[in-house]
PDB file of N, CA and C in Angstrom:
ATOM      1  N   UNK A   1      24.323   2.140 -27.906  1.00  0.00           N
ATOM      2  CA  UNK A   1      23.048   1.557 -27.381  1.00  0.00           C
ATOM      3  C   UNK A   1      22.195   2.471 -27.795  1.00  0.00           C
ATOM      4  N   UNK A   2      21.007   1.937 -28.385  1.00  0.00           N
ATOM      5  CA  UNK A   2      19.879   2.932 -28.624  1.00  0.00           C
ATOM      6  C   UNK A   2      18.842   3.013 -27.430  1.00  0.00           C
ATOM      7  N   UNK A   3      18.329   4.301 -27.391  1.00  0.00           N
ATOM      8  CA  UNK A   3      17.260   4.620 -26.242  1.00  0.00           C
ATOM      9  C   UNK A   3      15.920   3.764 -26.829  1.00  0.00           C
ATOM     10  N   UNK A   4      15.333   3.337 -25.829  1.00  0.00           N
ATOM     11  CA  UNK A   4      13.923   2.648 -26.102  1.00  0.00           C
ATOM     12  C   UNK A   4      12.957   3.812 -25.834  1.00  0.00           C
ATOM     13  N   UNK A   5      12.036   3.791 -26.831  1.00  0.00           N
ATOM     14  CA  UNK A   5      10.803   4.466 -26.810  1.00  0.00           C
ATOM     15  C   UNK A   5       9.801   3.895 -25.846  1.00  0.00           C
ATOM     16  N   UNK A   6       9.340   4.733 -24.648  1.00  0.00           N
ATOM     17  CA  UNK A   6       8.406   4.303 -23.628  1.00  0.00           C
ATOM     18  C   UNK A   6       7.193   4.030 -24.099  1.00  0.00           C
ATOM     19  N   UNK A   7       6.789   4.349 -25.314  1.00  0.00           N
ATOM     20  CA  UNK A   7       5.452   4.198 -25.695  1.00  0.00           C
ATOM     21  C   UNK A   7       5.542   2.867 -26.602  1.00  0.00           C
ATOM     22  N   UNK A   8       6.552   2.233 -26.969  1.00  0.00           N
ATOM     23  CA  UNK A   8       6.587   1.240 -27.798  1.00  0.00           C
ATOM     24  C   UNK A   8       7.088  -0.315 -27.121  1.00  0.00           C
ATOM     25  N   UNK A   9       7.458   0.123 -25.878  1.00  0.00           N
ATOM     26  CA  UNK A   9       8.165  -0.991 -25.047  1.00  0.00           C
ATOM     27  C   UNK A   9       7.313  -1.959 -24.665  1.00  0.00           C
ATOM     28  N   UNK A  10       6.145  -1.699 -24.603  1.00  0.00           N
ATOM     29  CA  UNK A  10       5.085  -2.699 -23.922  1.00  0.00           C
ATOM     30  C   UNK A  10       5.267  -2.861 -22.499  1.00  0.00           C
ATOM     31  N   UNK A  11       5.022  -4.184 -21.985  1.00  0.00           N
ATOM     32  CA  UNK A  11       4.752  -4.577 -20.626  1.00  0.00           C
ATOM     33  C   UNK A  11       5.946  -3.949 -19.640  1.00  0.00           C
ATOM     34  N   UNK A  12       7.069  -4.403 -20.177  1.00  0.00           N
ATOM     35  CA  UNK A  12       8.097  -4.018 -19.325  1.00  0.00           C
ATOM     36  C   UNK A  12       8.910  -2.713 -19.719  1.00  0.00           C
ATOM     37  N   UNK A  13       9.089  -1.847 -18.758  1.00  0.00           N
ATOM     38  CA  UNK A  13       9.767  -0.558 -19.140  1.00  0.00           C
ATOM     39  C   UNK A  13      11.143  -0.662 -18.634  1.00  0.00           C
ATOM     40  N   UNK A  14      11.720   0.657 -18.526  1.00  0.00           N
ATOM     41  CA  UNK A  14      13.145   0.441 -17.928  1.00  0.00           C
ATOM     42  C   UNK A  14      13.133   0.212 -16.472  1.00  0.00           C
ATOM     43  N   UNK A  15      14.098  -0.648 -16.204  1.00  0.00           N
ATOM     44  CA  UNK A  15      14.096  -1.120 -14.681  1.00  0.00           C
ATOM     45  C   UNK A  15      13.424  -2.392 -14.539  1.00  0.00           C
ATOM     46  N   UNK A  16      12.689  -3.002 -15.518  1.00  0.00           N
ATOM     47  CA  UNK A  16      11.827  -4.172 -15.370  1.00  0.00           C
ATOM     48  C   UNK A  16      10.369  -3.795 -14.690  1.00  0.00           C
ATOM     49  N   UNK A  17      10.129  -2.418 -14.586  1.00  0.00           N
ATOM     50  CA  UNK A  17       8.748  -2.019 -14.115  1.00  0.00           C
ATOM     51  C   UNK A  17       7.697  -2.110 -15.316  1.00  0.00           C
ATOM     52  N   UNK A  18       6.470  -2.323 -15.195  1.00  0.00           N
ATOM     53  CA  UNK A  18       5.343  -2.261 -16.159  1.00  0.00           C
ATOM     54  C   UNK A  18       5.535  -0.767 -16.568  1.00  0.00           C
ATOM     55  N   UNK A  19       5.211  -0.537 -17.936  1.00  0.00           N
ATOM     56  CA  UNK A  19       5.143   0.769 -18.583  1.00  0.00           C
ATOM     57  C   UNK A  19       3.746   1.198 -18.809  1.00  0.00           C
ATOM     58  N   UNK A  20       3.224   2.038 -17.834  1.00  0.00           N
ATOM     59  CA  UNK A  20       1.794   2.514 -17.866  1.00  0.00           C
ATOM     60  C   UNK A  20       1.423   3.101 -19.089  1.00  0.00           C
ATOM     61  N   UNK A  21       2.216   3.821 -19.757  1.00  0.00           N
ATOM     62  CA  UNK A  21       2.096   4.540 -21.065  1.00  0.00           C
ATOM     63  C   UNK A  21       1.488   3.529 -21.865  1.00  0.00           C
ATOM     64  N   UNK A  22       1.894   2.292 -21.979  1.00  0.00           N
ATOM     65  CA  UNK A  22       1.579   1.446 -22.925  1.00  0.00           C
ATOM     66  C   UNK A  22       0.459   0.515 -22.581  1.00  0.00           C
ATOM     67  N   UNK A  23      -0.302   0.989 -21.506  1.00  0.00           N
ATOM     68  CA  UNK A  23      -1.432   0.029 -20.868  1.00  0.00           C
ATOM     69  C   UNK A  23      -2.807   0.802 -21.276  1.00  0.00           C
ATOM     70  N   UNK A  24      -3.654   0.024 -21.809  1.00  0.00           N
ATOM     71  CA  UNK A  24      -4.907   0.526 -22.230  1.00  0.00           C
ATOM     72  C   UNK A  24      -5.657   1.197 -21.038  1.00  0.00           C
ATOM     73  N   UNK A  25      -5.472   0.710 -19.772  1.00  0.00           N
ATOM     74  CA  UNK A  25      -6.230   1.340 -18.515  1.00  0.00           C
ATOM     75  C   UNK A  25      -5.686   2.635 -18.028  1.00  0.00           C
ATOM     76  N   UNK A  26      -4.377   2.847 -18.419  1.00  0.00           N
ATOM     77  CA  UNK A  26      -4.046   4.225 -18.054  1.00  0.00           C
ATOM     78  C   UNK A  26      -4.512   5.462 -18.482  1.00  0.00           C
ATOM     79  N   UNK A  27      -4.448   6.528 -17.605  1.00  0.00           N
ATOM     80  CA  UNK A  27      -5.052   7.642 -18.043  1.00  0.00           C
ATOM     81  C   UNK A  27      -4.427   8.770 -17.412  1.00  0.00           C
ATOM     82  N   UNK A  28      -4.385   9.987 -18.028  1.00  0.00           N
ATOM     83  CA  UNK A  28      -4.084  11.330 -17.331  1.00  0.00           C
ATOM     84  C   UNK A  28      -5.147  12.077 -16.618  1.00  0.00           C
ATOM     85  N   UNK A  29      -5.315  12.423 -15.614  1.00  0.00           N
ATOM     86  CA  UNK A  29      -6.368  13.101 -14.650  1.00  0.00           C
ATOM     87  C   UNK A  29      -6.372  14.451 -14.984  1.00  0.00           C
ATOM     88  N   UNK A  30      -5.306  14.981 -15.231  1.00  0.00           N
ATOM     89  CA  UNK A  30      -5.160  16.491 -15.228  1.00  0.00           C
ATOM     90  C   UNK A  30      -5.365  17.266 -13.957  1.00  0.00           C
ATOM     91  N   UNK A  31      -5.301  16.564 -12.808  1.00  0.00           N
ATOM     92  CA  UNK A  31      -5.434  16.927 -11.528  1.00  0.00           C
ATOM     93  C   UNK A  31      -3.867  17.086 -11.053  1.00  0.00           C
ATOM     94  N   UNK A  32      -3.593  18.174 -10.480  1.00  0.00           N
ATOM     95  CA  UNK A  32      -2.247  18.453  -9.874  1.00  0.00           C
ATOM     96  C   UNK A  32      -1.767  17.445  -8.839  1.00  0.00           C
ATOM     97  N   UNK A  33      -2.514  16.995  -8.007  1.00  0.00           N
ATOM     98  CA  UNK A  33      -2.148  16.185  -6.871  1.00  0.00           C
ATOM     99  C   UNK A  33      -2.133  14.689  -7.388  1.00  0.00           C
ATOM    100  N   UNK A  34      -3.035  14.382  -8.187  1.00  0.00           N
ATOM    101  CA  UNK A  34      -2.883  12.947  -8.465  1.00  0.00           C
ATOM    102  C   UNK A  34      -3.100  12.913 -10.106  1.00  0.00           C
ATOM    103  N   UNK A  35      -2.035  13.179 -10.740  1.00  0.00           N
ATOM    104  CA  UNK A  35      -1.993  13.192 -12.247  1.00  0.00           C
ATOM    105  C   UNK A  35      -2.302  11.953 -13.215  1.00  0.00           C
ATOM    106  N   UNK A  36      -2.036  10.765 -12.325  1.00  0.00           N
ATOM    107  CA  UNK A  36      -2.148   9.641 -13.282  1.00  0.00           C
ATOM    108  C   UNK A  36      -3.195   8.622 -12.765  1.00  0.00           C
ATOM    109  N   UNK A  37      -3.911   8.033 -13.738  1.00  0.00           N
ATOM    110  CA  UNK A  37      -5.057   7.061 -13.246  1.00  0.00           C
ATOM    111  C   UNK A  37      -4.894   5.693 -13.743  1.00  0.00           C
ATOM    112  N   UNK A  38      -5.599   4.781 -13.184  1.00  0.00           N
ATOM    113  CA  UNK A  38      -5.593   3.521 -13.595  1.00  0.00           C
ATOM    114  C   UNK A  38      -7.170   3.017 -13.713  1.00  0.00           C
ATOM    115  N   UNK A  39      -7.789   2.880 -14.840  1.00  0.00           N
ATOM    116  CA  UNK A  39      -9.151   2.523 -14.917  1.00  0.00           C
ATOM    117  C   UNK A  39      -9.456   1.048 -14.547  1.00  0.00           C
ATOM    118  N   UNK A  40      -8.610   0.180 -14.640  1.00  0.00           N
ATOM    119  CA  UNK A  40      -8.829  -1.254 -14.222  1.00  0.00           C
ATOM    120  C   UNK A  40      -8.915  -1.234 -12.769  1.00  0.00           C
ATOM    121  N   UNK A  41      -8.086  -0.548 -12.004  1.00  0.00           N
ATOM    122  CA  UNK A  41      -8.131  -0.706 -10.598  1.00  0.00           C
ATOM    123  C   UNK A  41      -8.896   0.447  -9.740  1.00  0.00           C
ATOM    124  N   UNK A  42      -9.225   1.306 -10.634  1.00  0.00           N
ATOM    125  CA  UNK A  42      -9.966   2.521  -9.990  1.00  0.00           C
ATOM    126  C   UNK A  42      -9.342   3.382  -9.061  1.00  0.00           C
ATOM    127  N   UNK A  43      -8.210   3.917  -9.593  1.00  0.00           N
ATOM    128  CA  UNK A  43      -7.589   4.858  -8.581  1.00  0.00           C
ATOM    129  C   UNK A  43      -6.522   5.819  -9.249  1.00  0.00           C
ATOM    130  N   UNK A  44      -6.268   7.044  -8.505  1.00  0.00           N
ATOM    131  CA  UNK A  44      -5.387   7.951  -9.242  1.00  0.00           C
ATOM    132  C   UNK A  44      -4.305   7.923  -8.185  1.00  0.00           C
ATOM    133  N   UNK A  45      -3.046   8.514  -8.740  1.00  0.00           N
ATOM    134  CA  UNK A  45      -1.945   8.531  -8.046  1.00  0.00           C
ATOM    135  C   UNK A  45      -0.937   9.710  -8.372  1.00  0.00           C
ATOM    136  N   UNK A  46      -0.150   9.966  -7.416  1.00  0.00           N
ATOM    137  CA  UNK A  46       0.993  10.850  -7.845  1.00  0.00           C
ATOM    138  C   UNK A  46       2.157  10.220  -8.491  1.00  0.00           C
ATOM    139  N   UNK A  47       2.325   9.002  -8.442  1.00  0.00           N
ATOM    140  CA  UNK A  47       3.253   8.101  -9.103  1.00  0.00           C
ATOM    141  C   UNK A  47       2.552   7.296 -10.249  1.00  0.00           C
ATOM    142  N   UNK A  48       3.311   6.749 -10.989  1.00  0.00           N
ATOM    143  CA  UNK A  48       2.802   5.740 -12.007  1.00  0.00           C
ATOM    144  C   UNK A  48       2.090   4.699 -11.397  1.00  0.00           C
ATOM    145  N   UNK A  49       0.846   4.452 -11.857  1.00  0.00           N
ATOM    146  CA  UNK A  49       0.082   3.467 -11.129  1.00  0.00           C
ATOM    147  C   UNK A  49       0.819   2.080 -10.990  1.00  0.00           C
ATOM    148  N   UNK A  50       1.616   1.569 -11.893  1.00  0.00           N
ATOM    149  CA  UNK A  50       2.132   0.420 -11.710  1.00  0.00           C
ATOM    150  C   UNK A  50       3.143   0.535 -10.621  1.00  0.00           C
ATOM    151  N   UNK A  51       3.951   1.640 -10.453  1.00  0.00           N
ATOM    152  CA  UNK A  51       4.782   1.732  -9.304  1.00  0.00           C
ATOM    153  C   UNK A  51       3.955   1.693  -7.834  1.00  0.00           C
ATOM    154  N   UNK A  52       2.787   2.363  -7.858  1.00  0.00           N
ATOM    155  CA  UNK A  52       1.945   2.414  -6.585  1.00  0.00           C
ATOM    156  C   UNK A  52       1.545   0.944  -6.389  1.00  0.00           C
ATOM    157  N   UNK A  53       1.193   0.188  -7.383  1.00  0.00           N
ATOM    158  CA  UNK A  53       0.674  -1.239  -7.060  1.00  0.00           C
ATOM    159  C   UNK A  53       1.827  -1.952  -6.485  1.00  0.00           C
ATOM    160  N   UNK A  54       3.094  -1.793  -7.174  1.00  0.00           N
ATOM    161  CA  UNK A  54       4.218  -2.562  -6.625  1.00  0.00           C
ATOM    162  C   UNK A  54       4.662  -2.309  -5.206  1.00  0.00           C
ATOM    163  N   UNK A  55       4.662  -1.031  -5.023  1.00  0.00           N
ATOM    164  CA  UNK A  55       4.925  -0.613  -3.594  1.00  0.00           C
ATOM    165  C   UNK A  55       3.968  -1.083  -2.583  1.00  0.00           C
ATOM    166  N   UNK A  56       2.546  -1.111  -2.823  1.00  0.00           N
ATOM    167  CA  UNK A  56       1.488  -1.391  -1.876  1.00  0.00           C
ATOM    168  C   UNK A  56       1.657  -2.974  -1.714  1.00  0.00           C
ATOM    169  N   UNK A  57       1.910  -3.663  -2.977  1.00  0.00           N
ATOM    170  CA  UNK A  57       1.587  -5.103  -2.727  1.00  0.00           C
ATOM    171  C   UNK A  57       2.841  -5.931  -2.929  1.00  0.00           C
ATOM    172  N   UNK A  58       3.672  -5.385  -3.400  1.00  0.00           N
ATOM    173  CA  UNK A  58       5.034  -6.188  -3.716  1.00  0.00           C
ATOM    174  C   UNK A  58       5.185  -6.998  -4.844  1.00  0.00           C
ATOM    175  N   UNK A  59       3.978  -7.128  -5.601  1.00  0.00           N
ATOM    176  CA  UNK A  59       3.938  -7.608  -7.017  1.00  0.00           C
ATOM    177  C   UNK A  59       3.624  -6.732  -8.064  1.00  0.00           C
ATOM    178  N   UNK A  60       4.082  -7.178  -9.355  1.00  0.00           N
ATOM    179  CA  UNK A  60       3.824  -6.217 -10.558  1.00  0.00           C
ATOM    180  C   UNK A  60       2.322  -6.184 -10.597  1.00  0.00           C
ATOM    181  N   UNK A  61       1.823  -5.234 -11.461  1.00  0.00           N
ATOM    182  CA  UNK A  61       0.549  -5.051 -11.731  1.00  0.00           C
ATOM    183  C   UNK A  61       0.057  -6.107 -12.545  1.00  0.00           C
ATOM    184  N   UNK A  62      -1.112  -6.752 -12.332  1.00  0.00           N
ATOM    185  CA  UNK A  62      -1.613  -7.902 -12.853  1.00  0.00           C
ATOM    186  C   UNK A  62      -2.610  -7.526 -14.077  1.00  0.00           C
ATOM    187  N   UNK A  63      -3.096  -6.287 -14.092  1.00  0.00           N
ATOM    188  CA  UNK A  63      -4.046  -5.666 -14.948  1.00  0.00           C
ATOM    189  C   UNK A  63      -3.587  -5.139 -16.267  1.00  0.00           C
ATOM    190  N   UNK A  64      -2.401  -5.212 -16.511  1.00  0.00           N
ATOM    191  CA  UNK A  64      -1.655  -4.514 -17.654  1.00  0.00           C
ATOM    192  C   UNK A  64      -2.323  -5.348 -18.873  1.00  0.00           C
ATOM    193  N   UNK A  65      -2.816  -4.386 -19.829  1.00  0.00           N
ATOM    194  CA  UNK A  65      -3.330  -4.748 -21.088  1.00  0.00           C
ATOM    195  C   UNK A  65      -2.689  -3.768 -22.183  1.00  0.00           C
ATOM    196  N   UNK A  66      -1.889  -4.329 -22.971  1.00  0.00           N
ATOM    197  CA  UNK A  66      -1.296  -3.544 -23.951  1.00  0.00           C
ATOM    198  C   UNK A  66      -2.160  -2.821 -24.990  1.00  0.00           C
ATOM    199  N   UNK A  67      -2.004  -1.593 -25.145  1.00  0.00           N
ATOM    200  CA  UNK A  67      -2.701  -0.670 -26.127  1.00  0.00           C
ATOM    201  C   UNK A  67      -2.568  -1.179 -27.450  1.00  0.00           C
ATOM    202  N   UNK A  68      -3.729  -1.098 -28.145  1.00  0.00           N
ATOM    203  CA  UNK A  68      -3.758  -1.638 -29.737  1.00  0.00           C
ATOM    204  C   UNK A  68      -3.612  -0.227 -30.473  1.00  0.00           C
ATOM    205  N   UNK A  69      -2.930  -0.487 -31.510  1.00  0.00           N
ATOM    206  CA  UNK A  69      -2.537   0.782 -32.389  1.00  0.00           C
ATOM    207  C   UNK A  69      -1.671   1.840 -31.887  1.00  0.00           C
ATOM    208  N   UNK A  70      -1.708   2.930 -32.348  1.00  0.00           N
ATOM    209  CA  UNK A  70      -1.087   4.175 -31.993  1.00  0.00           C
ATOM    210  C   UNK A  70      -1.424   4.711 -30.680  1.00  0.00           C
ATOM    211  N   UNK A  71      -0.519   4.860 -29.777  1.00  0.00           N
ATOM    212  CA  UNK A  71      -0.970   5.466 -28.523  1.00  0.00           C
ATOM    213  C   UNK A  71      -1.328   6.796 -28.531  1.00  0.00           C
ATOM    214  N   UNK A  72      -1.224   7.743 -29.565  1.00  0.00           N
ATOM    215  CA  UNK A  72      -1.610   9.008 -29.489  1.00  0.00           C
ATOM    216  C   UNK A  72      -2.886   9.295 -30.107  1.00  0.00           C
TER     217      UNK A  72
END
C-alpha cells in the first residue's frame, strides 16, 4: 500500500478529516502558541484548523477551498 502525500490528497486527509495543507485559506502563523491559522474563519490554533472546527461544532469545515497549482 502506498503512502499518500498530504499535499495532494485534497479535501479528505487521513482518517476522513479535512487536510488543511491543501486548503487555500490555511496559513502558518510562526507563533509558538498558535502555529496554524485559517483565513476564512479568522482564527489561529494549536491544532489544525479543521480539527478545531470539528471539535467545536461537530461538523467538518465548510470553508475548505482546494489550492490551485503547486502548494510550495
